[in-house]
Amino acid sequence: MKNNKKLTSEEVKHVAGLANLPLSEKETKDFPEKLSETIDYIDQLKEIPAENTPPTYQVTGKTNAWRSDKSDSCRLLSPQEALANAKKTHNGFFVTKVKWS
């Protein structure tokens, strides 16, 4: 089942904004067609009868493949190191822009 609805450049810009992804003008022009094709493919996958297919949780056959829950002190950052490259901080926390739609 083909969707036939092509996304607009404005819709692509909106989705990119929500994902905080900067797009060039070329990408803004190219992505509507590419994303529409992807959505059409996903719509095709929805037509596959899967009602009687059992859920697949993993395919390796491994069981209880957990690591021990302990910290590796050589891989830890101090709060100052973690915030060192942040654009903006406040009281020891990252400050980010809020996107509402």
Protein backbone atom coordinates (compact mmCIF):
# COMPACT_ATOMS: atom_id res chain seq x y z
CA MET A 1 0.00 0.00 0.00
CA LYS A 2 1.69 3.16 -1.18
CA ASN A 3 1.11 6.30 0.84
CA ASN A 4 1.38 8.67 -2.15
CA LYS A 5 1.69 11.60 0.27
CA LYS A 6 5.01 13.30 -0.15
CA LEU A 7 6.39 15.15 2.83
CA THR A 8 6.94 18.86 2.37
CA SER A 9 10.17 20.72 3.02
CA GLU A 10 8.45 22.44 5.94
CA GLU A 11 7.58 19.06 7.52
CA VAL A 12 11.19 17.93 7.10
CA LYS A 13 12.42 21.16 8.72
CA HIS A 14 9.96 20.67 11.58
CA VAL A 15 11.11 17.08 12.25
CA ALA A 16 14.77 18.12 11.98
CA GLY A 17 14.12 20.91 14.47
CA LEU A 18 12.52 18.50 16.93
CA ALA A 19 15.57 16.23 16.61
CA ASN A 20 17.92 19.23 16.86
CA LEU A 21 19.48 18.32 13.49
CA PRO A 22 20.82 21.13 11.35
CA LEU A 23 19.96 20.64 7.66
CA SER A 24 21.52 22.32 4.66
CA GLU A 25 19.30 23.72 1.92
CA LYS A 26 20.24 20.76 -0.31
CA GLU A 27 19.24 18.30 2.43
CA THR A 28 15.98 20.18 2.96
CA LYS A 29 15.24 19.73 -0.74
CA ASP A 30 16.40 16.08 -0.95
CA PHE A 31 14.90 14.67 2.24
CA PRO A 32 11.16 15.02 1.51
CA GLU A 33 11.38 12.44 -1.28
CA LYS A 34 13.79 10.14 0.63
CA LEU A 35 11.74 10.23 3.84
CA SER A 36 8.51 9.69 1.90
CA GLU A 37 10.06 6.57 0.32
CA THR A 38 11.06 5.34 3.78
CA ILE A 39 7.55 5.88 5.12
CA ASP A 40 6.12 4.03 2.10
CA TYR A 41 8.42 1.09 2.85
CA ILE A 42 7.34 1.06 6.50
CA ASP A 43 3.72 1.03 5.33
CA GLN A 44 4.53 -2.06 3.24
CA LEU A 45 5.96 -3.76 6.32
CA LYS A 46 2.71 -3.09 8.18
CA GLU A 47 0.91 -5.33 5.66
CA ILE A 48 2.92 -8.42 6.66
CA PRO A 49 0.68 -10.69 8.76
CA ALA A 50 2.44 -11.02 12.08
CA GLU A 51 -0.42 -11.66 14.51
CA ASN A 52 0.71 -15.25 15.21
CA THR A 53 4.43 -14.46 15.34
CA PRO A 54 5.87 -14.86 18.83
CA PRO A 55 7.91 -11.94 20.18
CA THR A 56 11.67 -12.19 19.70
CA TYR A 57 13.63 -10.86 22.64
CA GLN A 58 17.10 -11.85 21.48
CA VAL A 59 18.59 -14.16 18.86
CA THR A 60 22.03 -15.10 20.20
CA GLY A 61 20.95 -17.88 22.54
CA LYS A 62 22.93 -16.35 25.41
CA THR A 63 21.36 -16.22 28.83
CA ASN A 64 22.29 -14.03 31.78
CA ALA A 65 24.92 -12.11 29.84
CA TRP A 66 25.30 -9.37 32.42
CA ARG A 67 28.38 -7.53 33.58
CA SER A 68 28.99 -6.91 37.22
CA ASP A 69 27.53 -3.65 38.46
CA LYS A 70 30.62 -1.80 39.57
CA SER A 71 32.16 1.46 38.44
CA ASP A 72 35.43 1.61 36.53
CA SER A 73 37.24 4.50 38.23
CA CYS A 74 39.59 5.10 35.28
CA ARG A 75 36.55 5.82 33.04
CA LEU A 76 34.73 8.21 35.38
CA LEU A 77 34.68 11.95 34.80
CA SER A 78 34.60 14.55 37.51
CA PRO A 79 31.69 16.99 37.27
CA GLN A 80 34.12 19.66 36.02
CA GLU A 81 35.44 17.33 33.29
CA ALA A 82 31.93 16.34 32.25
CA LEU A 83 30.86 19.99 31.91
CA ALA A 84 34.12 21.23 30.37
CA ASN A 85 32.85 21.39 26.77
CA ALA A 86 29.24 22.33 27.54
CA LYS A 87 27.99 25.44 25.76
CA LYS A 88 26.10 26.54 28.86
CA THR A 89 25.90 25.35 32.48
CA HIS A 90 24.09 26.40 35.64
CA ASN A 91 24.88 25.24 39.19
CA GLY A 92 26.83 22.24 37.91
CA PHE A 93 24.23 21.09 35.36
CA PHE A 94 23.99 21.22 31.57
CA VAL A 95 21.64 23.88 30.22
CA THR A 96 19.78 22.97 27.02
CA LYS A 97 17.17 24.60 24.83
CA VAL A 98 13.63 23.34 25.17
CA LYS A 99 11.78 22.45 21.96
CA TRP A 100 8.00 22.56 22.16
CA SER A 101 5.79 21.77 19.24
